[in-house]
């Protein structure tokens, strides 16, 4: 393993030292945290976990011992170095949000950059980009008291990220949220670790959060009592038995999809499954866009797949200019792409809700219409039977394509190779959207 980014040696924090009401919040704590780890610090209230987090942030001075950040002892830092640490070294996310009520959402997000004298236009663009990423761009000019708890915490996360710190410290970040909002926030934090490669240290008393981490540090009475490692590095939601079978093998459905989508792995299941779907579906549907247009459109597609926006809102957002918080596509292309994506999503819903025979006929009719296929009754029946095999995961993409391309004499449909490939790709996108980790 690489060198630790945080090293804590014999750390003690004692309040009211030498007095009758002396409290040992931390007692000889030794911990190492490595780059790009997701570490959860767990324990009951009053065990010292938040004190440990604040010591790492440099907000709590040690009574004894040391906290090293990138091999530098925080307690020996000069004042300017400490200021730099709090501005760009670490990002803090708190349970209580700590947004400034008199500032708009975008001004709250950009506040850390104001203190660094960043160009107003540049900091606003960066702030708007973060709000767009977290699905709250429309809240930019509102004030915190107009937001839900989940929205407030997403604003707080955007603020923590505005200066692009490599370490994110989160103190009970979902403690004040309902279950749905909490899950959304935890998905974001997991994505920051797995996609943005941020080192995450999250404090929680909730045992349900332990599976999110690469490593769990368990505390009691100011001491680290043990560590647990999630060796499979599972993503946000628990992998159900149908994702990994009792022998720990990859399920047939996921295995077939992994052969098609090389970026898909068990690690994608959970927090990153919808972003992965969004990327693949967007690449499939779109061919000529700038990187910014594409990434912005992809962000809106994530919101559609997460069901945070509906299809009409998705189309409208694609058409709006960057200045208006949109993807800057023209109306004709926005309508065409939104319609195309909506139709594919509709077919995946058919595959989810119907039995394989009904799904095969419904999706087969869609393919015939979209690809302008002219089949007689026997050929149509063969298409449905081949589709049924793929829907039931009895064949993979390669076998499906080969059956489409195979000559009629050999029992295939005799389609051109290019047509077979395009149909196979369409079906795989539908199968990817059909797949669920829940």
Protein backbone atom coordinates (compact mmCIF):
# COMPACT_ATOMS: atom_id res chain seq x y z
CA UNK A 1 0.00 0.00 0.00
CA UNK A 2 1.14 3.58 -0.65
CA UNK A 3 2.24 5.94 2.11
CA UNK A 4 -0.50 7.13 4.41
CA UNK A 5 -2.03 10.54 3.77
CA UNK A 6 -3.01 10.81 7.45
CA UNK A 7 -1.08 9.33 10.36
CA UNK A 8 -2.18 9.68 13.98
CA UNK A 9 0.27 8.75 16.72
CA UNK A 10 -0.56 8.35 20.42
CA UNK A 11 -3.18 11.06 20.22
CA UNK A 12 -4.76 12.26 23.45
CA UNK A 13 -7.39 14.94 23.90
CA UNK A 14 -8.27 15.69 27.53
CA UNK A 15 -10.79 18.30 28.60
CA UNK A 16 -10.49 19.97 32.05
CA UNK A 17 -7.19 18.20 32.61
CA UNK A 18 -6.30 17.73 36.27
CA UNK A 19 -9.75 18.78 37.49
CA UNK A 20 -12.46 16.70 39.11
CA UNK A 21 -14.50 16.80 35.90
CA UNK A 22 -11.61 15.72 33.65
CA UNK A 23 -12.76 13.96 30.44
CA UNK A 24 -10.48 11.87 28.25
CA UNK A 25 -12.11 12.28 24.85
CA UNK A 26 -9.23 10.52 23.05
CA UNK A 27 -6.77 8.21 24.76
CA UNK A 28 -3.64 6.99 22.90
CA UNK A 29 -5.27 6.75 19.47
CA UNK A 30 -3.15 5.42 16.61
CA UNK A 31 -4.60 5.41 13.10
CA UNK A 32 -3.31 5.53 9.52
CA UNK A 33 -5.45 6.47 6.53
CA UNK A 34 -4.28 5.98 2.97
CA UNK A 35 -4.98 7.91 -0.27
CA UNK A 36 -8.38 7.27 -1.87
CA UNK A 37 -9.65 5.19 1.05
CA UNK A 38 -13.21 5.42 2.29
CA UNK A 39 -12.91 5.10 6.07
CA UNK A 40 -15.86 5.07 8.46
CA UNK A 41 -15.25 5.94 12.12
CA UNK A 42 -17.99 4.23 14.11
CA UNK A 43 -19.05 4.16 17.72
CA UNK A 44 -21.72 5.32 20.19
CA UNK A 45 -22.31 8.94 21.12
CA UNK A 46 -19.51 10.35 23.27
CA UNK A 47 -16.91 7.76 22.22
CA UNK A 48 -14.59 10.42 20.73
CA UNK A 49 -15.17 9.84 17.02
CA UNK A 50 -16.05 13.47 16.22
CA UNK A 51 -13.12 14.68 18.33
CA UNK A 52 -10.87 12.44 16.23
CA UNK A 53 -12.32 13.91 13.04
CA UNK A 54 -11.80 17.49 14.24
CA UNK A 55 -8.24 16.61 15.24
CA UNK A 56 -7.59 15.43 11.70
CA UNK A 57 -9.06 18.69 10.40
CA UNK A 58 -6.79 20.71 12.67
CA UNK A 59 -9.78 22.16 14.51
CA UNK A 60 -8.99 20.36 17.78
CA UNK A 61 -5.55 20.76 19.34
CA UNK A 62 -4.10 17.59 20.87
CA UNK A 63 -3.25 17.34 24.55
CA UNK A 64 -0.51 14.89 23.56
CA UNK A 65 0.53 12.97 20.47
CA UNK A 66 0.55 14.02 16.82
CA UNK A 67 -1.58 14.21 13.69
CA UNK A 68 0.37 14.12 10.44
CA UNK A 69 -1.19 15.22 7.17
CA UNK A 70 0.99 14.30 4.21
CA UNK A 71 3.85 13.73 6.68
CA UNK A 72 3.49 17.21 8.19
CA UNK A 73 2.54 17.56 11.87
CA UNK A 74 -0.56 19.77 11.97
CA UNK A 75 0.26 21.11 15.44
CA UNK A 76 3.58 22.44 14.10
CA UNK A 77 2.05 24.21 11.13
CA UNK A 78 2.40 27.97 10.83
CA UNK A 79 -0.78 30.02 10.81
CA UNK A 80 -0.73 30.45 7.02
CA UNK A 81 -0.29 26.71 6.57
CA UNK A 82 -3.28 26.01 8.79
CA UNK A 83 -5.37 28.48 6.82
CA UNK A 84 -4.34 26.74 3.58
CA UNK A 85 -5.20 23.36 5.11
CA UNK A 86 -8.73 24.50 5.96
CA UNK A 87 -9.23 26.16 2.58
CA UNK A 88 -7.86 23.58 0.15
CA UNK A 89 -6.43 20.63 2.10
CA UNK A 90 -9.61 19.23 3.55
CA UNK A 91 -13.32 19.73 2.93
CA UNK A 92 -15.75 19.49 5.86
CA UNK A 93 -19.35 18.28 5.79
CA UNK A 94 -21.34 18.73 9.00
CA UNK A 95 -24.60 17.29 10.29
CA UNK A 96 -26.00 20.78 10.87
CA UNK A 97 -25.02 22.05 7.34
CA UNK A 98 -23.77 25.44 8.64
CA UNK A 99 -25.04 27.38 5.64
CA UNK A 100 -25.26 31.16 5.98
CA UNK A 101 -28.96 31.99 5.88
CA UNK A 102 -28.45 35.52 4.52
CA UNK A 103 -26.52 34.25 1.46
CA UNK A 104 -27.99 32.59 -1.61
CA UNK A 105 -27.20 28.97 -2.36
CA UNK A 106 -24.62 29.84 -5.02
CA UNK A 107 -22.96 32.39 -2.73
CA UNK A 108 -22.77 29.79 0.05
CA UNK A 109 -21.07 27.37 -2.31
CA UNK A 110 -18.62 29.97 -3.62
CA UNK A 111 -17.78 31.45 -0.21
CA UNK A 112 -14.46 29.53 0.24
CA UNK A 113 -13.26 30.90 -3.09
CA UNK A 114 -14.18 34.46 -2.16
CA UNK A 115 -11.68 34.25 0.71
CA UNK A 116 -9.07 33.19 -1.85
CA UNK A 117 -9.84 36.19 -4.09
CA UNK A 118 -10.84 34.00 -7.03
CA UNK A 119 -12.28 35.68 -10.12
CA UNK A 120 -16.05 36.17 -9.56
CA UNK A 121 -17.00 34.76 -12.97
CA UNK A 122 -14.77 31.71 -12.60
CA UNK A 123 -15.91 30.89 -9.07
CA UNK A 124 -19.58 31.24 -10.07
CA UNK A 125 -19.07 28.94 -13.06
CA UNK A 126 -17.41 26.36 -10.83
CA UNK A 127 -20.13 26.68 -8.20
CA UNK A 128 -22.90 26.33 -10.79
CA UNK A 129 -21.14 23.26 -12.17
CA UNK A 130 -21.20 21.61 -8.75
CA UNK A 131 -24.85 22.49 -8.21
CA UNK A 132 -25.63 21.03 -11.64
CA UNK A 133 -23.76 17.86 -10.80
CA UNK A 134 -25.73 17.35 -7.60
CA UNK A 135 -29.10 18.09 -9.17
CA UNK A 136 -29.82 21.39 -7.40
CA UNK A 137 -28.91 23.92 -10.07
CA UNK A 138 -32.44 25.33 -10.01
CA UNK A 139 -31.94 26.24 -6.35
CA UNK A 140 -28.88 28.46 -7.06
CA UNK A 141 -30.56 31.79 -6.34
CA UNK A 142 -32.72 30.61 -3.44
CA UNK A 143 -31.82 30.95 0.22
CA UNK A 144 -31.13 28.04 2.60
CA UNK A 145 -34.46 28.41 4.41
CA UNK A 146 -36.20 27.62 1.11
CA UNK A 147 -34.51 24.21 0.77
CA UNK A 148 -35.20 20.74 2.12
CA UNK A 149 -32.69 19.08 4.42
CA UNK A 150 -31.36 16.90 1.62
CA UNK A 151 -30.90 19.91 -0.65
CA UNK A 152 -29.09 21.81 2.11
CA UNK A 153 -26.63 18.96 2.58
CA UNK A 154 -25.96 18.80 -1.17
CA UNK A 155 -25.22 22.52 -1.06
CA UNK A 156 -22.86 21.90 1.85
CA UNK A 157 -21.10 19.16 -0.11
CA UNK A 158 -20.72 21.47 -3.10
CA UNK A 159 -19.21 24.10 -0.79
CA UNK A 160 -16.78 21.52 0.62
CA UNK A 161 -15.68 20.65 -2.93
CA UNK A 162 -15.38 24.14 -4.41
CA UNK A 163 -11.60 24.30 -3.74
CA UNK A 164 -11.10 20.67 -4.83
CA UNK A 165 -9.63 19.19 -1.62
CA UNK A 166 -8.36 15.63 -1.78
CA UNK A 167 -9.66 14.78 1.71
CA UNK A 168 -13.34 15.01 2.67
CA UNK A 169 -14.27 14.83 6.37
CA UNK A 170 -17.95 14.14 7.08
CA UNK A 171 -19.37 14.34 10.62
CA UNK A 172 -22.71 12.47 10.79
CA UNK A 173 -23.63 14.01 7.40
CA UNK A 174 -27.07 12.37 7.18
CA UNK A 175 -28.02 12.58 10.86
CA UNK A 176 -30.69 15.23 10.22
CA UNK A 177 -32.12 13.73 7.02
CA UNK A 178 -35.00 11.42 6.16
CA UNK A 179 -34.08 8.01 4.75
CA UNK A 180 -34.48 8.93 1.07
CA UNK A 181 -32.47 12.16 1.37
CA UNK A 182 -29.85 10.32 3.42
CA UNK A 183 -29.43 7.71 0.71
CA UNK A 184 -29.00 10.39 -1.96
CA UNK A 185 -26.30 12.13 0.08
CA UNK A 186 -24.51 8.86 0.78
CA UNK A 187 -24.57 8.06 -2.93
CA UNK A 188 -22.85 11.37 -3.63
CA UNK A 189 -20.19 10.73 -0.99
CA UNK A 190 -19.55 7.25 -2.37
CA UNK A 191 -19.23 8.67 -5.88
CA UNK A 192 -16.71 11.26 -4.65
CA UNK A 193 -14.56 8.37 -3.45
CA UNK A 194 -14.95 5.97 -6.36
CA UNK A 195 -15.09 8.46 -9.24
CA UNK A 196 -13.30 11.58 -7.99
CA UNK A 197 -10.78 9.51 -5.99
CA UNK A 198 -11.25 11.61 -2.86
CA UNK A 199 -10.14 10.24 0.49
CA UNK A 200 -13.30 10.04 2.60
CA UNK A 201 -13.46 9.90 6.40
CA UNK A 202 -17.02 9.64 7.65
CA UNK A 203 -18.14 9.62 11.28
CA UNK A 204 -21.34 7.76 12.10
CA UNK A 205 -23.10 5.92 14.90
CA UNK A 206 -25.32 4.09 12.38
CA UNK A 207 -24.31 0.46 11.81
CA UNK A 208 -26.07 0.49 8.44
CA UNK A 209 -23.34 2.79 7.13
CA UNK A 210 -20.45 0.41 7.81
CA UNK A 211 -20.77 -1.45 4.52
CA UNK A 212 -20.02 1.72 2.57
CA UNK A 213 -16.40 1.87 3.67
CA UNK A 214 -13.21 0.20 2.58
CA UNK A 215 -12.27 0.14 6.26
CA UNK A 216 -14.13 0.68 9.53
CA UNK A 217 -12.46 2.10 12.66
CA UNK A 218 -14.54 1.21 15.73
CA UNK A 219 -14.21 3.37 18.84
CA UNK A 220 -15.32 3.13 22.47
CA UNK A 221 -14.51 5.35 25.42
CA UNK A 222 -11.95 7.40 23.52
CA UNK A 223 -10.02 4.40 22.21
CA UNK A 224 -9.84 2.53 18.91
CA UNK A 225 -10.99 -0.96 19.91
CA UNK A 226 -10.68 -2.62 16.53
CA UNK A 227 -10.67 -2.21 12.74
CA UNK A 228 -12.69 -4.08 10.15
CA UNK A 229 -11.89 -4.32 6.46
CA UNK A 230 -14.54 -4.77 3.78
CA UNK A 231 -12.27 -6.70 1.46
CA UNK A 232 -14.80 -6.84 -1.36
CA UNK A 233 -15.05 -3.02 -1.23
CA UNK A 234 -18.75 -3.13 -1.80
CA UNK A 235 -20.57 -0.09 -3.15
CA UNK A 236 -23.36 1.84 -1.48
CA UNK A 237 -26.14 -0.74 -1.28
CA UNK A 238 -25.68 -4.27 0.00
CA UNK A 239 -25.17 -6.74 -2.84
CA UNK A 240 -28.18 -9.00 -2.72
CA UNK A 241 -27.98 -12.76 -3.13
CA UNK A 242 -28.94 -12.53 -6.76
CA UNK A 243 -25.96 -10.23 -7.47
CA UNK A 244 -23.45 -12.57 -5.88
CA UNK A 245 -24.56 -16.15 -5.31
CA UNK A 246 -23.81 -18.13 -2.17
CA UNK A 247 -20.44 -19.24 -3.56
CA UNK A 248 -19.44 -15.59 -4.03
CA UNK A 249 -19.60 -15.89 -7.82
CA UNK A 250 -20.94 -13.18 -10.11
CA UNK A 251 -24.56 -13.73 -11.12
CA UNK A 252 -25.25 -14.86 -14.69
CA UNK A 253 -27.10 -11.66 -15.58
CA UNK A 254 -24.32 -9.38 -14.30
CA UNK A 255 -21.64 -11.61 -15.86
CA UNK A 256 -23.19 -11.31 -19.32
CA UNK A 257 -23.52 -7.53 -18.99
CA UNK A 258 -19.89 -7.27 -17.86
CA UNK A 259 -18.77 -8.99 -21.07
CA UNK A 260 -20.54 -6.28 -23.06
CA UNK A 261 -19.79 -3.19 -20.93
CA UNK A 262 -16.12 -3.40 -20.04
CA UNK A 263 -16.40 -0.66 -17.42
CA UNK A 264 -19.10 -2.53 -15.51
CA UNK A 265 -17.97 -4.51 -12.48
CA UNK A 266 -19.36 -5.62 -9.11
CA UNK A 267 -17.89 -2.40 -7.73
CA UNK A 268 -20.33 -0.46 -9.93
CA UNK A 269 -23.35 -1.98 -8.22
CA UNK A 270 -25.12 0.46 -5.93
CA UNK A 271 -24.11 4.11 -5.92
CA UNK A 272 -22.43 4.03 -9.33
CA UNK A 273 -24.87 1.89 -11.27
CA UNK A 274 -27.14 4.75 -12.36
CA UNK A 275 -24.19 7.02 -13.38
CA UNK A 276 -22.76 4.10 -15.38
CA UNK A 277 -26.11 3.53 -17.08
CA UNK A 278 -26.37 7.25 -17.85
CA UNK A 279 -22.92 7.32 -19.47
CA UNK A 280 -23.55 4.25 -21.62
CA UNK A 281 -27.01 5.40 -22.70
CA UNK A 282 -25.76 8.90 -23.51
CA UNK A 283 -22.85 7.57 -25.57
CA UNK A 284 -25.30 5.31 -27.35
CA UNK A 285 -27.74 8.05 -28.22
CA UNK A 286 -25.42 10.99 -28.90
CA UNK A 287 -22.53 11.37 -31.32
CA UNK A 288 -21.67 15.01 -31.96
CA UNK A 289 -21.29 17.22 -28.91
CA UNK A 290 -18.63 19.18 -27.12
CA UNK A 291 -17.34 17.65 -23.90
CA UNK A 292 -19.20 20.24 -21.83
CA UNK A 293 -22.45 19.71 -23.73
CA UNK A 294 -22.11 15.96 -23.36
CA UNK A 295 -21.17 15.94 -19.65
CA UNK A 296 -23.95 18.40 -18.82
CA UNK A 297 -26.48 16.33 -20.74
CA UNK A 298 -25.22 13.22 -18.99
CA UNK A 299 -25.76 14.91 -15.64
CA UNK A 300 -29.39 15.61 -16.51
CA UNK A 301 -29.77 12.01 -17.69
CA UNK A 302 -28.60 10.80 -14.28
CA UNK A 303 -31.34 12.93 -12.71
CA UNK A 304 -33.87 11.34 -15.09
CA UNK A 305 -32.72 7.81 -14.23
CA UNK A 306 -32.72 8.66 -10.53
CA UNK A 307 -36.30 9.93 -11.16
CA UNK A 308 -35.46 13.38 -9.80
CA UNK A 309 -36.85 14.95 -13.00
CA UNK A 310 -39.41 13.80 -15.56
CA UNK A 311 -38.98 13.36 -19.32
CA UNK A 312 -40.35 16.78 -20.27
CA UNK A 313 -38.00 18.51 -17.78
CA UNK A 314 -35.12 16.45 -19.18
CA UNK A 315 -35.84 17.68 -22.72
CA UNK A 316 -36.21 21.29 -21.55
CA UNK A 317 -32.91 21.18 -19.63
CA UNK A 318 -31.07 19.87 -22.69
CA UNK A 319 -32.32 22.83 -24.73
CA UNK A 320 -31.50 25.60 -22.21
CA UNK A 321 -28.25 27.53 -22.63
CA UNK A 322 -25.31 27.11 -20.26
CA UNK A 323 -26.13 30.52 -18.77
CA UNK A 324 -29.66 29.31 -18.00
CA UNK A 325 -28.32 26.16 -16.37
CA UNK A 326 -28.90 23.86 -19.34
CA UNK A 327 -26.83 21.70 -21.68
CA UNK A 328 -26.82 24.21 -24.57
CA UNK A 329 -28.27 21.86 -27.19
CA UNK A 330 -30.58 23.15 -29.93
CA UNK A 331 -34.30 22.42 -29.59
CA UNK A 332 -34.48 20.03 -32.55
CA UNK A 333 -31.66 17.86 -31.25
CA UNK A 334 -32.92 18.06 -27.66
CA UNK A 335 -36.32 16.77 -28.73
CA UNK A 336 -34.88 14.02 -30.91
CA UNK A 337 -32.47 12.73 -28.28
CA UNK A 338 -34.98 13.02 -25.42
CA UNK A 339 -37.53 11.07 -27.49
CA UNK A 340 -34.94 8.44 -28.38
CA UNK A 341 -33.85 7.96 -24.76
CA UNK A 342 -37.43 7.91 -23.52
CA UNK A 343 -38.27 5.13 -25.97
CA UNK A 344 -35.31 3.01 -24.84
CA UNK A 345 -36.26 3.55 -21.19
CA UNK A 346 -39.82 2.50 -22.08
CA UNK A 347 -38.50 -0.77 -23.53
CA UNK A 348 -36.44 -1.44 -20.40
CA UNK A 349 -39.60 -0.88 -18.32
CA UNK A 350 -41.35 -3.48 -20.50
CA UNK A 351 -38.54 -5.95 -19.79
CA UNK A 352 -38.78 -5.22 -16.05
CA UNK A 353 -42.54 -5.46 -15.67
CA UNK A 354 -43.48 -8.22 -18.14
CA UNK A 355 -42.66 -11.91 -18.46
CA UNK A 356 -39.92 -12.83 -20.95
CA UNK A 357 -42.32 -13.93 -23.69
CA UNK A 358 -44.36 -10.73 -23.55
CA UNK A 359 -41.17 -8.65 -23.29
CA UNK A 360 -39.72 -10.38 -26.36
CA UNK A 361 -42.78 -9.55 -28.45
CA UNK A 362 -42.99 -5.93 -27.23
CA UNK A 363 -39.27 -5.24 -27.70
CA UNK A 364 -39.24 -7.19 -30.96
CA UNK A 365 -42.00 -4.97 -32.34
CA UNK A 366 -39.99 -1.91 -31.28
CA UNK A 367 -36.86 -3.22 -33.03
CA UNK A 368 -38.80 -4.00 -36.21
CA UNK A 369 -40.17 -0.47 -36.31
CA UNK A 370 -36.96 1.34 -35.34
CA UNK A 371 -34.64 -0.60 -37.66
CA UNK A 372 -37.26 -0.87 -40.43
CA UNK A 373 -37.11 -4.65 -40.49
CA UNK A 374 -39.48 -6.45 -42.85
CA UNK A 375 -40.12 -9.97 -41.56
CA UNK A 376 -42.68 -12.57 -42.47
CA UNK A 377 -44.53 -14.37 -39.69
CA UNK A 378 -41.90 -17.13 -39.33
CA UNK A 379 -39.00 -14.67 -39.22
CA UNK A 380 -40.83 -12.53 -36.70
CA UNK A 381 -41.38 -15.57 -34.49
CA UNK A 382 -37.67 -16.44 -34.72
CA UNK A 383 -36.71 -12.89 -33.68
CA UNK A 384 -38.98 -13.16 -30.65
CA UNK A 385 -37.52 -16.53 -29.65
CA UNK A 386 -33.94 -15.20 -29.91
CA UNK A 387 -34.89 -12.13 -27.89
CA UNK A 388 -36.50 -14.34 -25.25
CA UNK A 389 -33.22 -16.23 -24.84
CA UNK A 390 -31.33 -12.96 -24.28
CA UNK A 391 -33.94 -11.56 -21.89
CA UNK A 392 -33.70 -14.76 -19.84
CA UNK A 393 -29.88 -14.45 -19.87
CA UNK A 394 -29.48 -17.79 -21.62
CA UNK A 395 -27.28 -16.19 -24.28
CA UNK A 396 -25.03 -13.12 -24.29
CA UNK A 397 -24.60 -10.28 -26.74
CA UNK A 398 -22.19 -12.19 -29.01
CA UNK A 399 -24.47 -15.20 -29.32
CA UNK A 400 -27.49 -12.96 -29.85
CA UNK A 401 -25.72 -11.05 -32.64
CA UNK A 402 -24.53 -14.29 -34.27
CA UNK A 403 -28.06 -15.68 -34.35
CA UNK A 404 -29.27 -12.49 -36.06
CA UNK A 405 -26.43 -12.66 -38.58
CA UNK A 406 -26.51 -16.41 -39.19
CA UNK A 407 -27.93 -17.53 -42.53
CA UNK A 408 -31.51 -18.76 -42.70
CA UNK A 409 -30.27 -22.19 -43.76
CA UNK A 410 -28.45 -22.50 -40.41
CA UNK A 411 -31.45 -21.32 -38.40
CA UNK A 412 -30.66 -17.60 -38.21
CA UNK A 413 -32.34 -14.47 -39.53
CA UNK A 414 -29.73 -13.72 -42.19
CA UNK A 415 -29.38 -10.02 -41.34
CA UNK A 416 -26.42 -7.98 -42.51
CA UNK A 417 -23.52 -7.92 -40.05
CA UNK A 418 -23.84 -4.18 -39.41
CA UNK A 419 -27.58 -4.43 -38.83
CA UNK A 420 -27.08 -7.36 -36.47
CA UNK A 421 -24.50 -5.39 -34.51
CA UNK A 422 -26.74 -2.34 -34.21
CA UNK A 423 -29.71 -4.42 -33.03
CA UNK A 424 -27.53 -6.30 -30.55
CA UNK A 425 -26.23 -3.02 -29.15
CA UNK A 426 -29.77 -1.70 -28.78
CA UNK A 427 -30.83 -4.79 -26.88
CA UNK A 428 -27.80 -4.60 -24.57
CA UNK A 429 -28.63 -1.01 -23.65
CA UNK A 430 -32.18 -2.14 -22.81
CA UNK A 431 -30.80 -5.02 -20.74
CA UNK A 432 -28.41 -2.70 -18.91
CA UNK A 433 -31.25 -0.34 -17.96
CA UNK A 434 -33.37 -3.33 -16.94
CA UNK A 435 -30.68 -4.58 -14.57
CA UNK A 436 -31.16 -3.55 -10.94
CA UNK A 437 -28.94 -3.93 -7.88
CA UNK A 438 -31.92 -3.66 -5.54
